[in-house]
Protein backbone atom coordinates (compact mmCIF):
# COMPACT_ATOMS: atom_id res chain seq x y z
CA MET A 1 6.82 10.17 2.31
CA PRO A 2 9.78 8.48 4.23
CA ALA A 3 10.32 6.00 1.34
CA ALA A 4 10.64 8.86 -1.20
CA ALA A 5 12.67 11.13 1.11
CA ALA A 6 14.74 8.67 2.96
CA PRO A 7 14.77 5.37 1.12
CA ARG A 8 17.60 3.74 2.96
CA TRP A 9 15.96 4.46 6.32
CA PHE A 10 12.66 3.18 5.03
CA PHE A 11 14.09 -0.01 3.65
CA ASP A 12 16.03 -0.66 6.95
CA SER A 13 13.19 0.39 9.38
CA PHE A 14 9.66 -0.10 7.91
CA PRO A 15 7.31 -0.54 9.73
CA GLY A 16 9.29 0.40 12.84
CA LEU A 17 9.25 -0.55 16.50
CA GLY A 18 12.05 -3.13 15.88
CA HIS A 19 10.47 -4.76 12.80
CA ALA A 20 12.12 -4.45 9.29
CA TRP A 21 9.68 -5.86 6.77
CA THR A 22 11.02 -4.19 3.71
CA ALA A 23 14.53 -5.20 4.56
CA ALA A 24 13.41 -8.87 4.47
CA TYR A 25 13.49 -8.58 0.66
CA PRO A 26 17.13 -7.76 -0.17
CA PRO A 27 19.10 -6.39 -1.80
CA TYR A 28 18.49 -2.69 -1.14
CA ASN A 29 17.81 -0.72 -4.24
CA GLU A 30 17.46 3.09 -3.82
CA HIS A 31 15.72 3.57 -7.10
CA LEU A 32 13.11 0.93 -6.31
CA VAL A 33 12.42 2.19 -2.83
CA THR A 34 12.20 5.83 -3.98
CA ASP A 35 9.72 4.74 -6.70
CA LEU A 36 7.70 2.81 -4.09
CA GLY A 37 7.61 5.99 -1.93
CA ALA A 38 6.42 8.04 -5.05
CA ALA A 39 3.67 5.39 -5.58
CA PHE A 40 2.49 5.78 -1.95
CA LEU A 41 2.53 9.56 -2.16
CA THR A 42 0.61 9.47 -5.43
CA LEU A 43 -2.02 7.15 -4.08
CA GLY A 44 -2.37 9.21 -1.02
CA ALA A 45 -2.79 12.41 -3.10
CA LEU A 46 -5.45 10.76 -5.27
CA LEU A 47 -7.35 9.52 -2.16
CA LEU A 48 -7.27 13.05 -0.75
CA ALA A 49 -8.42 14.58 -3.93
CA ALA A 50 -11.27 12.04 -4.35
CA ALA A 51 -12.43 12.84 -0.75
CA TRP A 52 -12.21 16.56 -1.36
CA LEU A 53 -14.02 16.54 -4.73
CA ALA A 54 -16.68 14.26 -3.46
CA ASP A 55 -17.50 13.11 -6.98
CA ARG A 56 -18.69 9.56 -7.19
CA ARG A 57 -16.95 8.91 -10.54
CA VAL A 58 -13.59 10.32 -9.28
CA THR A 59 -13.88 8.33 -6.07
CA LEU A 60 -14.64 5.11 -8.12
CA VAL A 61 -11.65 5.61 -10.40
CA VAL A 62 -9.31 6.26 -7.44
CA LEU A 63 -10.52 3.39 -5.33
CA GLY A 64 -10.28 1.16 -8.35
CA GLY A 65 -6.70 2.16 -8.88
CA VAL A 66 -5.87 1.69 -5.18
CA LEU A 67 -7.46 -1.78 -5.19
CA LEU A 68 -5.51 -2.85 -8.27
CA TYR A 69 -2.21 -1.64 -6.73
CA SER A 70 -3.21 -3.40 -3.41
CA CYS A 71 -4.18 -6.73 -5.05
CA VAL A 72 -0.89 -6.91 -7.06
CA HIS A 73 1.09 -6.03 -3.89
CA LEU A 74 -0.68 -8.60 -1.80
CA ALA A 75 -0.36 -11.27 -4.52
CA PHE A 76 3.47 -10.73 -4.58
CA HIS A 77 3.73 -11.09 -0.82
CA LEU A 78 1.55 -14.14 -0.63
CA LEU A 79 3.98 -15.90 -3.04
CA ARG A 80 7.18 -14.47 -1.77
CA HIS A 81 7.93 -14.09 1.87
CA GLY A 82 11.55 -12.86 1.77
CA THR A 83 13.09 -13.70 4.98
CA LEU A 84 9.93 -12.84 6.98
CA GLY A 85 8.46 -15.55 9.17
CA GLY A 86 6.11 -16.01 12.16
CA VAL A 87 4.42 -12.88 13.61
CA ASP A 88 6.11 -10.36 11.18
CA LEU A 89 4.92 -12.39 8.14
CA ALA A 90 1.40 -12.86 9.51
CA ALA A 91 1.19 -9.08 10.44
CA SER A 92 2.45 -7.97 7.09
CA LEU A 93 -0.01 -10.15 5.17
CA VAL A 94 -2.94 -8.92 7.41
CA ALA A 95 -1.88 -5.32 6.71
CA LEU A 96 -1.68 -6.02 3.00
CA ALA A 97 -5.13 -7.81 3.09
CA LEU A 98 -6.64 -4.78 4.85
CA GLY A 99 -5.15 -2.73 1.96
CA VAL A 100 -7.29 -4.82 -0.42
CA GLY A 101 -10.35 -5.14 1.85
CA ILE A 102 -10.89 -1.50 2.79
CA PRO A 103 -10.96 -0.14 -0.77
CA ALA A 104 -13.07 -3.08 -1.92
CA VAL A 105 -15.65 -2.36 0.72
CA LEU A 106 -15.55 1.34 -0.03
CA LEU A 107 -16.03 0.61 -3.73
CA VAL A 108 -19.12 -1.50 -2.97
CA LEU A 109 -20.52 1.24 -0.66
CA CYS A 110 -19.88 3.97 -3.20
CA THR A 111 -21.70 2.06 -5.98
CA ARG A 112 -24.74 1.29 -3.80
CA GLY A 113 -25.18 4.77 -2.28
CA PRO A 114 -27.35 7.54 -3.52
CA ALA A 115 -26.25 9.26 -6.66
């Protein structure tokens, strides 16, 4: 929600605690950061809907979409590091890899569980 509601703050501050991963990819673009926030909100809403509906087909579609987004996002950051280095670069890549790994594992579990 912060990226959609306060794009400049998100750009300058994410993930917080003195780290600024998004700002490592200048220049700031309000439209782009707001769109990113909208994408995060949409993925979150879809994940909540899939959990609430508890329908395997819906869950598979939503997890597939999250996995696609996460793979493209990770691929971008594997090839482009902006001004990130050291611990911040490693931590950001680990976080993005978890964004791929978790939905991938959930997809496998969802396809192997009882109908």
